Amino acid sequence: MTRSELIDKNKTLFWYTPESKKQEISDSLLIETIFNEGTLDDCRQLISTLGGKQVAKVFFSAKGRQKENYYPEIYHFFSLVLKKYA
């Protein structure tokens, strides 16, 4: 699956983004939205598409306000998963 296909598959999660701008969203917004609002299968596809190292790099680079955008339980879960497997 490509990044574009992943965004198209999950386009309802990006309801606030105009259709013409959906393919331009950043990796950080893509990861944050799918981790917070997507299913576990969506998260697996995200990691498979972008690569575990890239997802971990973007995820752990979130500081301050960006880090607070993740739900606490989501941040805790994925920090454990990405530390172990990425």
N, C-alpha and C. Protein backbone atom coordinates (compact mmCIF):
# COMPACT_ATOMS: atom_id res chain seq x y z
N MET A 1 0.85 -1.18 0.00
CA MET A 1 0.00 0.00 0.00
C MET A 1 0.89 1.24 0.00
N THR A 2 0.53 2.20 -0.80
CA THR A 2 1.30 3.45 -0.85
C THR A 2 0.72 4.45 0.15
N ARG A 3 1.46 5.52 0.35
CA ARG A 3 1.01 6.57 1.27
C ARG A 3 -0.31 7.17 0.79
N SER A 4 -0.43 7.40 -0.50
CA SER A 4 -1.66 7.96 -1.08
C SER A 4 -2.84 7.04 -0.86
N GLU A 5 -2.64 5.75 -1.05
CA GLU A 5 -3.72 4.77 -0.83
C GLU A 5 -4.12 4.72 0.63
N LEU A 6 -3.14 4.83 1.52
CA LEU A 6 -3.43 4.84 2.96
C LEU A 6 -4.28 6.06 3.33
N ILE A 7 -3.94 7.21 2.78
CA ILE A 7 -4.71 8.43 3.06
C ILE A 7 -6.12 8.30 2.48
N ASP A 8 -6.23 7.78 1.26
CA ASP A 8 -7.56 7.59 0.65
C ASP A 8 -8.41 6.62 1.45
N LYS A 9 -7.79 5.55 1.93
CA LYS A 9 -8.53 4.56 2.72
C LYS A 9 -9.06 5.17 4.02
N ASN A 10 -8.30 6.08 4.60
CA ASN A 10 -8.66 6.69 5.88
C ASN A 10 -9.10 8.14 5.75
N LYS A 11 -9.62 8.50 4.58
CA LYS A 11 -9.96 9.92 4.33
C LYS A 11 -11.04 10.45 5.27
N THR A 12 -11.87 9.59 5.83
CA THR A 12 -12.89 10.08 6.76
C THR A 12 -12.26 10.58 8.07
N LEU A 13 -11.06 10.11 8.39
CA LEU A 13 -10.37 10.60 9.59
C LEU A 13 -9.87 12.03 9.40
N PHE A 14 -9.72 12.43 8.15
CA PHE A 14 -9.23 13.77 7.83
C PHE A 14 -10.36 14.63 7.27
N TRP A 15 -11.53 14.55 7.88
CA TRP A 15 -12.72 15.24 7.41
C TRP A 15 -12.54 16.75 7.37
N TYR A 16 -11.67 17.29 8.21
CA TYR A 16 -11.47 18.73 8.32
C TYR A 16 -10.49 19.27 7.28
N THR A 17 -9.84 18.38 6.54
CA THR A 17 -8.87 18.78 5.52
C THR A 17 -9.57 18.81 4.16
N PRO A 18 -9.43 19.90 3.41
CA PRO A 18 -10.05 19.93 2.08
C PRO A 18 -9.53 18.78 1.21
N GLU A 19 -10.40 18.27 0.37
CA GLU A 19 -10.07 17.12 -0.48
C GLU A 19 -8.80 17.38 -1.31
N SER A 20 -8.63 18.59 -1.78
CA SER A 20 -7.47 18.91 -2.61
C SER A 20 -6.15 18.94 -1.82
N LYS A 21 -6.22 19.02 -0.50
CA LYS A 21 -5.02 19.11 0.34
C LYS A 21 -4.69 17.82 1.07
N LYS A 22 -5.52 16.80 0.96
CA LYS A 22 -5.32 15.57 1.74
C LYS A 22 -4.00 14.88 1.43
N GLN A 23 -3.57 14.88 0.18
CA GLN A 23 -2.33 14.20 -0.17
C GLN A 23 -1.09 14.98 0.29
N GLU A 24 -1.29 16.19 0.76
CA GLU A 24 -0.17 17.05 1.19
C GLU A 24 0.03 17.04 2.70
N ILE A 25 -0.75 16.27 3.44
CA ILE A 25 -0.60 16.30 4.90
C ILE A 25 0.75 15.73 5.30
N SER A 26 1.26 16.21 6.42
CA SER A 26 2.59 15.81 6.88
C SER A 26 2.55 14.42 7.50
N ASP A 27 3.72 13.82 7.60
CA ASP A 27 3.82 12.50 8.25
C ASP A 27 3.37 12.59 9.71
N SER A 28 3.71 13.68 10.39
CA SER A 28 3.35 13.80 11.80
C SER A 28 1.82 13.84 11.98
N LEU A 29 1.13 14.55 11.11
CA LEU A 29 -0.34 14.59 11.19
C LEU A 29 -0.94 13.24 10.83
N LEU A 30 -0.38 12.60 9.83
CA LEU A 30 -0.85 11.28 9.41
C LEU A 30 -0.71 10.27 10.55
N ILE A 31 0.44 10.24 11.17
CA ILE A 31 0.69 9.30 12.27
C ILE A 31 -0.20 9.62 13.46
N GLU A 32 -0.26 10.88 13.84
CA GLU A 32 -1.08 11.28 14.98
C GLU A 32 -2.54 10.91 14.78
N THR A 33 -3.08 11.20 13.62
CA THR A 33 -4.50 10.95 13.36
C THR A 33 -4.81 9.47 13.31
N ILE A 34 -3.98 8.70 12.62
CA ILE A 34 -4.27 7.26 12.52
C ILE A 34 -4.06 6.58 13.86
N PHE A 35 -3.03 6.95 14.62
CA PHE A 35 -2.85 6.36 15.95
C PHE A 35 -4.02 6.70 16.87
N ASN A 36 -4.45 7.95 16.86
CA ASN A 36 -5.53 8.37 17.76
C ASN A 36 -6.91 7.87 17.34
N GLU A 37 -7.20 7.89 16.05
CA GLU A 37 -8.57 7.64 15.59
C GLU A 37 -8.74 6.36 14.76
N GLY A 38 -7.66 5.79 14.26
CA GLY A 38 -7.76 4.62 13.40
C GLY A 38 -7.88 3.32 14.19
N THR A 39 -8.11 2.25 13.45
CA THR A 39 -8.16 0.92 14.05
C THR A 39 -6.74 0.38 14.18
N LEU A 40 -6.60 -0.73 14.88
CA LEU A 40 -5.29 -1.35 15.02
C LEU A 40 -4.77 -1.79 13.65
N ASP A 41 -5.66 -2.25 12.79
CA ASP A 41 -5.26 -2.63 11.43
C ASP A 41 -4.76 -1.42 10.66
N ASP A 42 -5.40 -0.26 10.83
CA ASP A 42 -4.93 0.97 10.18
C ASP A 42 -3.52 1.32 10.67
N CYS A 43 -3.28 1.14 11.96
CA CYS A 43 -1.96 1.43 12.53
C CYS A 43 -0.90 0.49 11.96
N ARG A 44 -1.24 -0.77 11.81
CA ARG A 44 -0.31 -1.74 11.21
C ARG A 44 0.01 -1.35 9.77
N GLN A 45 -1.01 -0.96 9.03
CA GLN A 45 -0.78 -0.55 7.64
C GLN A 45 0.07 0.72 7.56
N LEU A 46 -0.14 1.63 8.50
CA LEU A 46 0.66 2.85 8.56
C LEU A 46 2.13 2.51 8.78
N ILE A 47 2.40 1.66 9.75
CA ILE A 47 3.78 1.28 10.05
C ILE A 47 4.40 0.53 8.88
N SER A 48 3.61 -0.32 8.26
CA SER A 48 4.09 -1.06 7.09
C SER A 48 4.39 -0.13 5.92
N THR A 49 3.56 0.87 5.71
CA THR A 49 3.70 1.79 4.59
C THR A 49 4.87 2.75 4.78
N LEU A 50 4.93 3.40 5.92
CA LEU A 50 5.97 4.40 6.16
C LEU A 50 7.27 3.78 6.66
N GLY A 51 7.18 2.61 7.25
CA GLY A 51 8.35 1.96 7.84
C GLY A 51 8.42 2.24 9.32
N GLY A 52 8.76 1.24 10.08
CA GLY A 52 8.80 1.36 11.54
C GLY A 52 9.76 2.42 12.03
N LYS A 53 10.92 2.51 11.40
CA LYS A 53 11.92 3.50 11.84
C LYS A 53 11.44 4.93 11.60
N GLN A 54 10.80 5.16 10.47
CA GLN A 54 10.29 6.51 10.17
C GLN A 54 9.16 6.88 11.12
N VAL A 55 8.25 5.94 11.37
CA VAL A 55 7.14 6.21 12.29
C VAL A 55 7.69 6.50 13.69
N ALA A 56 8.65 5.70 14.14
CA ALA A 56 9.24 5.91 15.47
C ALA A 56 9.95 7.26 15.53
N LYS A 57 10.67 7.62 14.48
CA LYS A 57 11.38 8.90 14.45
C LYS A 57 10.40 10.07 14.59
N VAL A 58 9.33 10.05 13.83
CA VAL A 58 8.34 11.12 13.88
C VAL A 58 7.60 11.11 15.22
N PHE A 59 7.22 9.93 15.68
CA PHE A 59 6.47 9.78 16.93
C PHE A 59 7.28 10.31 18.12
N PHE A 60 8.53 9.89 18.23
CA PHE A 60 9.34 10.29 19.38
C PHE A 60 9.89 11.71 19.26
N SER A 61 9.81 12.32 18.09
CA SER A 61 10.27 13.70 17.94
C SER A 61 9.19 14.70 18.37
N ALA A 62 7.99 14.23 18.63
CA ALA A 62 6.91 15.11 19.09
C ALA A 62 7.23 15.60 20.50
N LYS A 63 7.29 16.90 20.64
CA LYS A 63 7.59 17.52 21.94
C LYS A 63 6.50 18.52 22.28
N GLY A 64 6.35 18.78 23.55
CA GLY A 64 5.43 19.81 24.02
C GLY A 64 4.00 19.61 23.55
N ARG A 65 3.49 20.61 22.88
CA ARG A 65 2.09 20.59 22.45
C ARG A 65 1.80 19.45 21.47
N GLN A 66 2.74 19.15 20.57
CA GLN A 66 2.53 18.06 19.62
C GLN A 66 2.36 16.73 20.35
N LYS A 67 3.15 16.53 21.38
CA LYS A 67 3.07 15.28 22.15
C LYS A 67 1.73 15.18 22.87
N GLU A 68 1.20 16.31 23.30
CA GLU A 68 -0.07 16.32 24.02
C GLU A 68 -1.25 16.07 23.10
N ASN A 69 -1.06 16.12 21.78
CA ASN A 69 -2.14 15.83 20.85
C ASN A 69 -2.51 14.35 20.84
N TYR A 70 -1.59 13.49 21.26
CA TYR A 70 -1.89 12.06 21.37
C TYR A 70 -2.67 11.82 22.66
N TYR A 71 -3.65 10.92 22.59
CA TYR A 71 -4.33 10.52 23.81
C TYR A 71 -3.30 9.84 24.71
N PRO A 72 -3.34 10.06 26.03
CA PRO A 72 -2.31 9.50 26.91
C PRO A 72 -2.14 7.99 26.79
N GLU A 73 -3.24 7.27 26.71
CA GLU A 73 -3.14 5.81 26.61
C GLU A 73 -2.58 5.37 25.26
N ILE A 74 -2.88 6.14 24.22
CA ILE A 74 -2.34 5.85 22.88
C ILE A 74 -0.84 6.12 22.87
N TYR A 75 -0.42 7.24 23.44
CA TYR A 75 1.00 7.57 23.48
C TYR A 75 1.77 6.51 24.25
N HIS A 76 1.24 6.10 25.38
CA HIS A 76 1.92 5.08 26.19
C HIS A 76 2.02 3.76 25.44
N PHE A 77 0.93 3.31 24.84
CA PHE A 77 0.92 2.03 24.12
C PHE A 77 1.92 2.04 22.97
N PHE A 78 1.86 3.06 22.13
CA PHE A 78 2.74 3.07 20.96
C PHE A 78 4.18 3.38 21.31
N SER A 79 4.42 4.07 22.41
CA SER A 79 5.81 4.26 22.83
C SER A 79 6.42 2.92 23.23
N LEU A 80 5.66 2.07 23.89
CA LEU A 80 6.15 0.73 24.23
C LEU A 80 6.36 -0.13 22.99
N VAL A 81 5.38 -0.11 22.08
CA VAL A 81 5.47 -0.92 20.86
C VAL A 81 6.64 -0.47 19.99
N LEU A 82 6.76 0.83 19.77
CA LEU A 82 7.81 1.32 18.88
C LEU A 82 9.20 1.17 19.50
N LYS A 83 9.32 1.28 20.81
CA LYS A 83 10.63 1.07 21.45
C LYS A 83 11.07 -0.38 21.29
N LYS A 84 10.11 -1.29 21.34
CA LYS A 84 10.46 -2.71 21.27
C LYS A 84 10.71 -3.18 19.84
N TYR A 85 9.89 -2.72 18.87
CA TYR A 85 9.94 -3.29 17.53
C TYR A 85 10.55 -2.40 16.46
N ALA A 86 10.70 -1.12 16.71
CA ALA A 86 11.21 -0.24 15.64
C ALA A 86 12.67 0.08 15.83
